[in-house]
Structures are given as structure tokens and as C-alpha cells.
Amino acid sequence: VIASAIVIYINGRINRSSIKSALESKNVKGAIIKQID
């Protein structure tokens, strides 16, 4: 449970802007892209 990822769903394309908005909503200041599927 602790190691599980928090899942965020967005409408449209995942780009830098949408990532920033999603992270901002979770009060995250910065993140590294670990995987792209």
C-alpha cells in the first residue's frame, strides 16, 4: 500500500503543461519522469 503509485487521470495529451498542473494539484514541487508508456 505504501509503495503503490497515486493515479491521476487527465483529459487530452500528457505534456509538460498537463504534468505541471497534475503535480501542482497534489502539492508536488518537482518530479522526475521514470517511465513513458
Full PDB file with SEQRES, HELIX, SHEET, SSBOND, CRYST1, ORIGX, SCALE, CONECT and MASTER records, all heavy atoms in Angstrom:
SEQRES   1 A   37  VAL ILE ALA SER ALA ILE VAL ILE TYR ILE ASN GLY ARG          
SEQRES   2 A   37  ILE ASN ARG SER SER ILE LYS SER ALA LEU GLU SER LYS          
SEQRES   3 A   37  ASN VAL LYS GLY ALA ILE ILE LYS GLN ILE ASP                  
HELIX    1 AA1 ARG A   16  SER A   25  1                                  10    
CRYST1    1.000    1.000    1.000  90.00  90.00  90.00 P 1           1          
ORIGX1      1.000000  0.000000  0.000000        0.00000                         
ORIGX2      0.000000  1.000000  0.000000        0.00000                         
ORIGX3      0.000000  0.000000  1.000000        0.00000                         
SCALE1      1.000000  0.000000  0.000000        0.00000                         
SCALE2      0.000000  1.000000  0.000000        0.00000                         
SCALE3      0.000000  0.000000  1.000000        0.00000                         
ATOM      1  N   VAL A   1       0.840  -1.210   0.000  1.00  0.00           N  
ATOM      2  CA  VAL A   1       0.000   0.000   0.000  1.00  0.00           C  
ATOM      3  C   VAL A   1       0.864   1.245   0.000  1.00  0.00           C  
ATOM      4  O   VAL A   1       0.598   2.198  -0.725  1.00  0.00           O  
ATOM      5  CB  VAL A   1      -0.966  -0.011   1.207  1.00  0.00           C  
ATOM      6  CG1 VAL A   1      -1.646   1.332   1.372  1.00  0.00           C  
ATOM      7  CG2 VAL A   1      -1.988  -1.120   1.052  1.00  0.00           C  
ATOM      8  N   ILE A   2       1.924   1.249   0.781  1.00  0.00           N  
ATOM      9  CA  ILE A   2       2.811   2.411   0.854  1.00  0.00           C  
ATOM     10  C   ILE A   2       3.543   2.622  -0.465  1.00  0.00           C  
ATOM     11  O   ILE A   2       3.732   3.742  -0.916  1.00  0.00           O  
ATOM     12  CB  ILE A   2       3.805   2.250   2.023  1.00  0.00           C  
ATOM     13  CG1 ILE A   2       3.055   2.340   3.351  1.00  0.00           C  
ATOM     14  CG2 ILE A   2       4.913   3.296   1.959  1.00  0.00           C  
ATOM     15  CD1 ILE A   2       3.899   2.008   4.561  1.00  0.00           C  
ATOM     16  N   ALA A   3       3.947   1.531  -1.113  1.00  0.00           N  
ATOM     17  CA  ALA A   3       4.743   1.620  -2.331  1.00  0.00           C  
ATOM     18  C   ALA A   3       3.904   1.870  -3.579  1.00  0.00           C  
ATOM     19  O   ALA A   3       4.453   2.117  -4.635  1.00  0.00           O  
ATOM     20  CB  ALA A   3       5.546   0.336  -2.508  1.00  0.00           C  
ATOM     21  N   SER A   4       2.596   1.803  -3.480  1.00  0.00           N  
ATOM     22  CA  SER A   4       1.770   1.951  -4.672  1.00  0.00           C  
ATOM     23  C   SER A   4       1.756   3.390  -5.155  1.00  0.00           C  
ATOM     24  O   SER A   4       1.923   4.334  -4.395  1.00  0.00           O  
ATOM     25  CB  SER A   4       0.344   1.475  -4.392  1.00  0.00           C  
ATOM     26  OG  SER A   4      -0.252   2.286  -3.410  1.00  0.00           O  
ATOM     27  N   ALA A   5       1.558   3.525  -6.456  1.00  0.00           N  
ATOM     28  CA  ALA A   5       1.559   4.837  -7.078  1.00  0.00           C  
ATOM     29  C   ALA A   5       0.194   5.504  -6.940  1.00  0.00           C  
ATOM     30  O   ALA A   5      -0.834   4.836  -6.884  1.00  0.00           O  
ATOM     31  CB  ALA A   5       1.924   4.710  -8.548  1.00  0.00           C  
ATOM     32  N   ILE A   6       0.210   6.814  -6.910  1.00  0.00           N  
ATOM     33  CA  ILE A   6      -1.020   7.600  -6.938  1.00  0.00           C  
ATOM     34  C   ILE A   6      -1.363   7.810  -8.406  1.00  0.00           C  
ATOM     35  O   ILE A   6      -0.542   8.262  -9.193  1.00  0.00           O  
ATOM     36  CB  ILE A   6      -0.826   8.940  -6.214  1.00  0.00           C  
ATOM     37  CG1 ILE A   6      -0.569   8.691  -4.724  1.00  0.00           C  
ATOM     38  CG2 ILE A   6      -2.043   9.842  -6.420  1.00  0.00           C  
ATOM     39  CD1 ILE A   6      -0.225   9.926  -3.936  1.00  0.00           C  
ATOM     40  N   VAL A   7      -2.580   7.455  -8.779  1.00  0.00           N  
ATOM     41  CA  VAL A   7      -3.008   7.521 -10.176  1.00  0.00           C  
ATOM     42  C   VAL A   7      -3.787   8.806 -10.406  1.00  0.00           C  
ATOM     43  O   VAL A   7      -4.687   9.151  -9.641  1.00  0.00           O  
ATOM     44  CB  VAL A   7      -3.868   6.295 -10.536  1.00  0.00           C  
ATOM     45  CG1 VAL A   7      -4.334   6.374 -11.983  1.00  0.00           C  
ATOM     46  CG2 VAL A   7      -3.095   5.007 -10.293  1.00  0.00           C  
ATOM     47  N   ILE A   8      -3.411   9.525 -11.477  1.00  0.00           N  
ATOM     48  CA  ILE A   8      -4.061  10.781 -11.849  1.00  0.00           C  
ATOM     49  C   ILE A   8      -4.539  10.636 -13.293  1.00  0.00           C  
ATOM     50  O   ILE A   8      -3.762  10.250 -14.169  1.00  0.00           O  
ATOM     51  CB  ILE A   8      -3.073  11.966 -11.747  1.00  0.00           C  
ATOM     52  CG1 ILE A   8      -2.510  12.074 -10.330  1.00  0.00           C  
ATOM     53  CG2 ILE A   8      -3.748  13.264 -12.178  1.00  0.00           C  
ATOM     54  CD1 ILE A   8      -1.341  13.035 -10.215  1.00  0.00           C  
ATOM     55  N   TYR A   9      -5.800  10.930 -13.532  1.00  0.00           N  
ATOM     56  CA  TYR A   9      -6.360  10.876 -14.880  1.00  0.00           C  
ATOM     57  C   TYR A   9      -6.557  12.302 -15.391  1.00  0.00           C  
ATOM     58  O   TYR A   9      -7.069  13.162 -14.680  1.00  0.00           O  
ATOM     59  CB  TYR A   9      -7.709  10.149 -14.876  1.00  0.00           C  
ATOM     60  CG  TYR A   9      -7.583   8.674 -14.558  1.00  0.00           C  
ATOM     61  CD1 TYR A   9      -7.743   8.217 -13.257  1.00  0.00           C  
ATOM     62  CD2 TYR A   9      -7.292   7.765 -15.553  1.00  0.00           C  
ATOM     63  CE1 TYR A   9      -7.612   6.868 -12.956  1.00  0.00           C  
ATOM     64  CE2 TYR A   9      -7.155   6.417 -15.263  1.00  0.00           C  
ATOM     65  CZ  TYR A   9      -7.318   5.978 -13.969  1.00  0.00           C  
ATOM     66  OH  TYR A   9      -7.181   4.650 -13.673  1.00  0.00           O  
ATOM     67  N   ILE A  10      -6.139  12.530 -16.644  1.00  0.00           N  
ATOM     68  CA  ILE A  10      -6.338  13.840 -17.267  1.00  0.00           C  
ATOM     69  C   ILE A  10      -7.026  13.643 -18.610  1.00  0.00           C  
ATOM     70  O   ILE A  10      -6.940  12.571 -19.217  1.00  0.00           O  
ATOM     71  CB  ILE A  10      -5.014  14.613 -17.457  1.00  0.00           C  
ATOM     72  CG1 ILE A  10      -4.067  13.875 -18.389  1.00  0.00           C  
ATOM     73  CG2 ILE A  10      -4.337  14.884 -16.134  1.00  0.00           C  
ATOM     74  CD1 ILE A  10      -2.908  14.711 -18.867  1.00  0.00           C  
ATOM     75  N   ASN A  11      -7.690  14.678 -19.067  1.00  0.00           N  
ATOM     76  CA  ASN A  11      -8.283  14.664 -20.405  1.00  0.00           C  
ATOM     77  C   ASN A  11      -7.272  15.249 -21.375  1.00  0.00           C  
ATOM     78  O   ASN A  11      -6.677  16.284 -21.106  1.00  0.00           O  
ATOM     79  CB  ASN A  11      -9.562  15.496 -20.445  1.00  0.00           C  
ATOM     80  CG  ASN A  11     -10.674  14.859 -19.654  1.00  0.00           C  
ATOM     81  OD1 ASN A  11     -10.782  13.647 -19.620  1.00  0.00           O  
ATOM     82  ND2 ASN A  11     -11.497  15.678 -19.016  1.00  0.00           N  
ATOM     83  N   GLY A  12      -7.068  14.588 -22.485  1.00  0.00           N  
ATOM     84  CA  GLY A  12      -6.185  15.114 -23.513  1.00  0.00           C  
ATOM     85  C   GLY A  12      -4.784  14.539 -23.444  1.00  0.00           C  
ATOM     86  O   GLY A  12      -4.532  13.500 -22.838  1.00  0.00           O  
ATOM     87  N   ARG A  13      -3.866  15.259 -24.057  1.00  0.00           N  
ATOM     88  CA  ARG A  13      -2.482  14.822 -24.202  1.00  0.00           C  
ATOM     89  C   ARG A  13      -1.684  15.076 -22.933  1.00  0.00           C  
ATOM     90  O   ARG A  13      -1.822  16.120 -22.300  1.00  0.00           O  
ATOM     91  CB  ARG A  13      -1.843  15.565 -25.374  1.00  0.00           C  
ATOM     92  CG  ARG A  13      -0.365  15.263 -25.558  1.00  0.00           C  
ATOM     93  CD  ARG A  13       0.167  15.911 -26.774  1.00  0.00           C  
ATOM     94  NE  ARG A  13      -0.267  15.075 -27.894  1.00  0.00           N  
ATOM     95  CZ  ARG A  13       0.118  15.262 -29.137  1.00  0.00           C  
ATOM     96  NH1 ARG A  13       0.900  16.263 -29.447  1.00  0.00           N  
ATOM     97  NH2 ARG A  13      -0.296  14.462 -30.084  1.00  0.00           N  
ATOM     98  N   ILE A  14      -0.834  14.128 -22.599  1.00  0.00           N  
ATOM     99  CA  ILE A  14       0.090  14.306 -21.477  1.00  0.00           C  
ATOM    100  C   ILE A  14       1.314  15.039 -22.019  1.00  0.00           C  
ATOM    101  O   ILE A  14       2.050  14.517 -22.862  1.00  0.00           O  
ATOM    102  CB  ILE A  14       0.516  12.957 -20.868  1.00  0.00           C  
ATOM    103  CG1 ILE A  14      -0.699  12.159 -20.396  1.00  0.00           C  
ATOM    104  CG2 ILE A  14       1.483  13.182 -19.715  1.00  0.00           C  
ATOM    105  CD1 ILE A  14      -0.382  10.735 -19.984  1.00  0.00           C  
ATOM    106  N   ASN A  15       1.507  16.274 -21.570  1.00  0.00           N  
ATOM    107  CA  ASN A  15       2.674  17.070 -21.957  1.00  0.00           C  
ATOM    108  C   ASN A  15       3.211  17.769 -20.703  1.00  0.00           C  
ATOM    109  O   ASN A  15       2.719  17.544 -19.605  1.00  0.00           O  
ATOM    110  CB  ASN A  15       2.314  18.064 -23.067  1.00  0.00           C  
ATOM    111  CG  ASN A  15       1.145  18.940 -22.697  1.00  0.00           C  
ATOM    112  OD1 ASN A  15       0.893  19.203 -21.530  1.00  0.00           O  
ATOM    113  ND2 ASN A  15       0.411  19.400 -23.697  1.00  0.00           N  
ATOM    114  N   ARG A  16       4.234  18.577 -20.855  1.00  0.00           N  
ATOM    115  CA  ARG A  16       4.835  19.236 -19.689  1.00  0.00           C  
ATOM    116  C   ARG A  16       3.816  20.082 -18.927  1.00  0.00           C  
ATOM    117  O   ARG A  16       3.789  20.086 -17.701  1.00  0.00           O  
ATOM    118  CB  ARG A  16       6.021  20.092 -20.127  1.00  0.00           C  
ATOM    119  CG  ARG A  16       7.239  19.276 -20.460  1.00  0.00           C  
ATOM    120  CD  ARG A  16       8.372  20.133 -21.043  1.00  0.00           C  
ATOM    121  NE  ARG A  16       9.404  19.279 -21.589  1.00  0.00           N  
ATOM    122  CZ  ARG A  16       9.347  18.694 -22.777  1.00  0.00           C  
ATOM    123  NH1 ARG A  16       8.303  18.877 -23.562  1.00  0.00           N  
ATOM    124  NH2 ARG A  16      10.336  17.919 -23.200  1.00  0.00           N  
ATOM    125  N   SER A  17       2.973  20.781 -19.643  1.00  0.00           N  
ATOM    126  CA  SER A  17       1.976  21.647 -19.011  1.00  0.00           C  
ATOM    127  C   SER A  17       0.956  20.833 -18.200  1.00  0.00           C  
ATOM    128  O   SER A  17       0.632  21.187 -17.060  1.00  0.00           O  
ATOM    129  CB  SER A  17       1.263  22.466 -20.084  1.00  0.00           C  
ATOM    130  OG  SER A  17       0.242  23.239 -19.533  1.00  0.00           O  
ATOM    131  N   SER A  18       0.468  19.742 -18.775  1.00  0.00           N  
ATOM    132  CA  SER A  18      -0.518  18.929 -18.057  1.00  0.00           C  
ATOM    133  C   SER A  18       0.124  18.210 -16.867  1.00  0.00           C  
ATOM    134  O   SER A  18      -0.522  18.021 -15.830  1.00  0.00           O  
ATOM    135  CB  SER A  18      -1.188  17.920 -18.995  1.00  0.00           C  
ATOM    136  OG  SER A  18      -0.257  17.001 -19.512  1.00  0.00           O  
ATOM    137  N   ILE A  19       1.404  17.836 -17.000  1.00  0.00           N  
ATOM    138  CA  ILE A  19       2.115  17.224 -15.872  1.00  0.00           C  
ATOM    139  C   ILE A  19       2.266  18.234 -14.747  1.00  0.00           C  
ATOM    140  O   ILE A  19       2.025  17.920 -13.575  1.00  0.00           O  
ATOM    141  CB  ILE A  19       3.487  16.666 -16.305  1.00  0.00           C  
ATOM    142  CG1 ILE A  19       3.297  15.451 -17.221  1.00  0.00           C  
ATOM    143  CG2 ILE A  19       4.336  16.296 -15.089  1.00  0.00           C  
ATOM    144  CD1 ILE A  19       4.581  14.939 -17.843  1.00  0.00           C  
ATOM    145  N   LYS A  20       2.649  19.463 -15.091  1.00  0.00           N  
ATOM    146  CA  LYS A  20       2.794  20.509 -14.066  1.00  0.00           C  
ATOM    147  C   LYS A  20       1.485  20.756 -13.341  1.00  0.00           C  
ATOM    148  O   LYS A  20       1.446  20.877 -12.117  1.00  0.00           O  
ATOM    149  CB  LYS A  20       3.300  21.804 -14.699  1.00  0.00           C  
ATOM    150  CG  LYS A  20       4.752  21.773 -15.065  1.00  0.00           C  
ATOM    151  CD  LYS A  20       5.187  23.102 -15.662  1.00  0.00           C  
ATOM    152  CE  LYS A  20       6.640  23.045 -16.078  1.00  0.00           C  
ATOM    153  NZ  LYS A  20       7.112  24.331 -16.593  1.00  0.00           N  
ATOM    154  N   SER A  21       0.385  20.813 -14.074  1.00  0.00           N  
ATOM    155  CA  SER A  21      -0.931  21.030 -13.459  1.00  0.00           C  
ATOM    156  C   SER A  21      -1.306  19.885 -12.541  1.00  0.00           C  
ATOM    157  O   SER A  21      -1.818  20.100 -11.436  1.00  0.00           O  
ATOM    158  CB  SER A  21      -2.005  21.189 -14.533  1.00  0.00           C  
ATOM    159  OG  SER A  21      -1.775  22.329 -15.303  1.00  0.00           O  
ATOM    160  N   ALA A  22      -1.047  18.652 -12.984  1.00  0.00           N  
ATOM    161  CA  ALA A  22      -1.376  17.484 -12.166  1.00  0.00           C  
ATOM    162  C   ALA A  22      -0.533  17.452 -10.900  1.00  0.00           C  
ATOM    163  O   ALA A  22      -1.040  17.158  -9.812  1.00  0.00           O  
ATOM    164  CB  ALA A  22      -1.166  16.205 -12.978  1.00  0.00           C  
ATOM    165  N   LEU A  23       0.753  17.756 -11.023  1.00  0.00           N  
ATOM    166  CA  LEU A  23       1.635  17.761  -9.857  1.00  0.00           C  
ATOM    167  C   LEU A  23       1.266  18.884  -8.891  1.00  0.00           C  
ATOM    168  O   LEU A  23       1.303  18.714  -7.676  1.00  0.00           O  
ATOM    169  CB  LEU A  23       3.096  17.881 -10.279  1.00  0.00           C  
ATOM    170  CG  LEU A  23       3.681  16.701 -11.041  1.00  0.00           C  
ATOM    171  CD1 LEU A  23       5.104  17.013 -11.486  1.00  0.00           C  
ATOM    172  CD2 LEU A  23       3.644  15.435 -10.210  1.00  0.00           C  
ATOM    173  N   GLU A  24       0.905  20.024  -9.439  1.00  0.00           N  
ATOM    174  CA  GLU A  24       0.507  21.161  -8.603  1.00  0.00           C  
ATOM    175  C   GLU A  24      -0.730  20.823  -7.776  1.00  0.00           C  
ATOM    176  O   GLU A  24      -0.827  21.198  -6.609  1.00  0.00           O  
ATOM    177  CB  GLU A  24       0.248  22.383  -9.474  1.00  0.00           C  
ATOM    178  CG  GLU A  24       0.022  23.655  -8.703  1.00  0.00           C  
ATOM    179  CD  GLU A  24      -0.086  24.857  -9.611  1.00  0.00           C  
ATOM    180  OE1 GLU A  24      -0.548  24.716 -10.754  1.00  0.00           O  
ATOM    181  OE2 GLU A  24       0.297  25.942  -9.157  1.00  0.00           O  
ATOM    182  N   SER A  25      -1.653  20.064  -8.360  1.00  0.00           N  
ATOM    183  CA  SER A  25      -2.870  19.691  -7.628  1.00  0.00           C  
ATOM    184  C   SER A  25      -2.566  18.745  -6.464  1.00  0.00           C  
ATOM    185  O   SER A  25      -3.348  18.645  -5.529  1.00  0.00           O  
ATOM    186  CB  SER A  25      -3.883  19.036  -8.569  1.00  0.00           C  
ATOM    187  OG  SER A  25      -3.460  17.736  -8.949  1.00  0.00           O  
ATOM    188  N   LYS A  26      -1.424  18.069  -6.517  1.00  0.00           N  
ATOM    189  CA  LYS A  26      -1.005  17.156  -5.442  1.00  0.00           C  
ATOM    190  C   LYS A  26       0.062  17.789  -4.548  1.00  0.00           C  
ATOM    191  O   LYS A  26       0.668  17.113  -3.724  1.00  0.00           O  
ATOM    192  CB  LYS A  26      -0.456  15.852  -6.028  1.00  0.00           C  
ATOM    193  CG  LYS A  26      -1.463  15.084  -6.848  1.00  0.00           C  
ATOM    194  CD  LYS A  26      -2.614  14.626  -5.989  1.00  0.00           C  
ATOM    195  CE  LYS A  26      -3.598  13.817  -6.816  1.00  0.00           C  
ATOM    196  NZ  LYS A  26      -4.767  13.434  -6.066  1.00  0.00           N  
ATOM    197  N   ASN A  27       0.321  19.099  -4.707  1.00  0.00           N  
ATOM    198  CA  ASN A  27       1.308  19.844  -3.924  1.00  0.00           C  
ATOM    199  C   ASN A  27       2.722  19.274  -4.054  1.00  0.00           C  
ATOM    200  O   ASN A  27       3.470  19.214  -3.084  1.00  0.00           O  
ATOM    201  CB  ASN A  27       0.908  19.915  -2.447  1.00  0.00           C  
ATOM    202  CG  ASN A  27      -0.361  20.704  -2.256  1.00  0.00           C  
ATOM    203  OD1 ASN A  27      -0.566  21.716  -2.910  1.00  0.00           O  
ATOM    204  ND2 ASN A  27      -1.216  20.243  -1.382  1.00  0.00           N  
ATOM    205  N   VAL A  28       3.076  18.862  -5.264  1.00  0.00           N  
ATOM    206  CA  VAL A  28       4.417  18.349  -5.558  1.00  0.00           C  
ATOM    207  C   VAL A  28       5.213  19.473  -6.215  1.00  0.00           C  
ATOM    208  O   VAL A  28       4.727  20.128  -7.134  1.00  0.00           O  
ATOM    209  CB  VAL A  28       4.340  17.118  -6.495  1.00  0.00           C  
ATOM    210  CG1 VAL A  28       5.717  16.634  -6.874  1.00  0.00           C  
ATOM    211  CG2 VAL A  28       3.539  16.019  -5.838  1.00  0.00           C  
ATOM    212  N   LYS A  29       6.431  19.696  -5.750  1.00  0.00           N  
ATOM    213  CA  LYS A  29       7.257  20.785  -6.290  1.00  0.00           C  
ATOM    214  C   LYS A  29       8.061  20.370  -7.508  1.00  0.00           C  
ATOM    215  O   LYS A  29       8.385  21.187  -8.358  1.00  0.00           O  
ATOM    216  CB  LYS A  29       8.188  21.299  -5.206  1.00  0.00           C  
ATOM    217  CG  LYS A  29       7.444  21.950  -4.059  1.00  0.00           C  
ATOM    218  CD  LYS A  29       8.381  22.443  -3.006  1.00  0.00           C  
ATOM    219  CE  LYS A  29       7.581  23.043  -1.854  1.00  0.00           C  
ATOM    220  NZ  LYS A  29       8.433  23.404  -0.732  1.00  0.00           N  
ATOM    221  N   GLY A  30       8.403  19.090  -7.587  1.00  0.00           N  
ATOM    222  CA  GLY A  30       9.166  18.611  -8.723  1.00  0.00           C  
ATOM    223  C   GLY A  30       9.166  17.103  -8.775  1.00  0.00           C  
ATOM    224  O   GLY A  30       9.057  16.430  -7.751  1.00  0.00           O  
ATOM    225  N   ALA A  31       9.271  16.566  -9.995  1.00  0.00           N  
ATOM    226  CA  ALA A  31       9.277  15.115 -10.162  1.00  0.00           C  
ATOM    227  C   ALA A  31      10.113  14.751 -11.378  1.00  0.00           C  
ATOM    228  O   ALA A  31      10.295  15.562 -12.288  1.00  0.00           O  
ATOM    229  CB  ALA A  31       7.860  14.586 -10.324  1.00  0.00           C  
ATOM    230  N   ILE A  32      10.604  13.528 -11.374  1.00  0.00           N  
ATOM    231  CA  ILE A  32      11.384  13.016 -12.495  1.00  0.00           C  
ATOM    232  C   ILE A  32      10.542  11.981 -13.230  1.00  0.00           C  
ATOM    233  O   ILE A  32       9.821  11.198 -12.607  1.00  0.00           O  
ATOM    234  CB  ILE A  32      12.725  12.418 -12.008  1.00  0.00           C  
ATOM    235  CG1 ILE A  32      13.606  12.032 -13.188  1.00  0.00           C  
ATOM    236  CG2 ILE A  32      12.502  11.244 -11.080  1.00  0.00           C  
ATOM    237  CD1 ILE A  32      15.041  11.734 -12.800  1.00  0.00           C  
ATOM    238  N   ILE A  33      10.619  12.007 -14.554  1.00  0.00           N  
ATOM    239  CA  ILE A  33       9.892  11.033 -15.358  1.00  0.00           C  
ATOM    240  C   ILE A  33      10.646   9.715 -15.295  1.00  0.00           C  
ATOM    241  O   ILE A  33      11.795   9.618 -15.709  1.00  0.00           O  
ATOM    242  CB  ILE A  33       9.751  11.503 -16.824  1.00  0.00           C  
ATOM    243  CG1 ILE A  33       8.947  12.804 -16.885  1.00  0.00           C  
ATOM    244  CG2 ILE A  33       9.095  10.408 -17.672  1.00  0.00           C  
ATOM    245  CD1 ILE A  33       8.849  13.411 -18.275  1.00  0.00           C  
ATOM    246  N   LYS A  34      10.006   8.694 -14.732  1.00  0.00           N  
ATOM    247  CA  LYS A  34      10.625   7.376 -14.572  1.00  0.00           C  
ATOM    248  C   LYS A  34      10.326   6.450 -15.747  1.00  0.00           C  
ATOM    249  O   LYS A  34      11.150   5.630 -16.117  1.00  0.00           O  
ATOM    250  CB  LYS A  34      10.153   6.707 -13.275  1.00  0.00           C  
ATOM    251  CG  LYS A  34      10.499   7.470 -12.023  1.00  0.00           C  
ATOM    252  CD  LYS A  34      11.973   7.645 -11.842  1.00  0.00           C  
ATOM    253  CE  LYS A  34      12.574   6.450 -11.174  1.00  0.00           C  
ATOM    254  NZ  LYS A  34      13.992   6.593 -10.879  1.00  0.00           N  
ATOM    255  N   GLN A  35       9.115   6.570 -16.313  1.00  0.00           N  
ATOM    256  CA  GLN A  35       8.730   5.667 -17.384  1.00  0.00           C  
ATOM    257  C   GLN A  35       7.675   6.329 -18.258  1.00  0.00           C  
ATOM    258  O   GLN A  35       6.802   7.035 -17.757  1.00  0.00           O  
ATOM    259  CB  GLN A  35       8.177   4.369 -16.795  1.00  0.00           C  
ATOM    260  CG  GLN A  35       7.817   3.327 -17.813  1.00  0.00           C  
ATOM    261  CD  GLN A  35       7.308   2.045 -17.158  1.00  0.00           C  
ATOM    262  OE1 GLN A  35       7.115   1.983 -15.943  1.00  0.00           O  
ATOM    263  NE2 GLN A  35       7.092   1.030 -17.955  1.00  0.00           N  
ATOM    264  N   ILE A  36       7.761   6.071 -19.555  1.00  0.00           N  
ATOM    265  CA  ILE A  36       6.763   6.554 -20.502  1.00  0.00           C  
ATOM    266  C   ILE A  36       6.242   5.342 -21.267  1.00  0.00           C  
ATOM    267  O   ILE A  36       7.011   4.622 -21.902  1.00  0.00           O  
ATOM    268  CB  ILE A  36       7.364   7.574 -21.491  1.00  0.00           C  
ATOM    269  CG1 ILE A  36       7.898   8.788 -20.736  1.00  0.00           C  
ATOM    270  CG2 ILE A  36       6.328   7.988 -22.531  1.00  0.00           C  
ATOM    271  CD1 ILE A  36       8.701   9.747 -21.585  1.00  0.00           C  
ATOM    272  N   ASP A  37       4.934   5.111 -21.170  1.00  0.00           N  
ATOM    273  CA  ASP A  37       4.302   4.011 -21.887  1.00  0.00           C  
ATOM    274  C   ASP A  37       3.348   4.617 -22.914  1.00  0.00           C  
ATOM    275  O   ASP A  37       2.218   4.957 -22.596  1.00  0.00           O  
ATOM    276  CB  ASP A  37       3.554   3.100 -20.906  1.00  0.00           C  
ATOM    277  CG  ASP A  37       2.969   1.867 -21.572  1.00  0.00           C  
ATOM    278  OD1 ASP A  37       2.914   1.827 -22.822  1.00  0.00           O  
ATOM    279  OD2 ASP A  37       2.555   0.953 -20.845  1.00  0.00           O  
TER     280      ASP A  37                                                      
MASTER        0    0    0    1    0    0    0    6  279    1    0    3          
END                                                                             
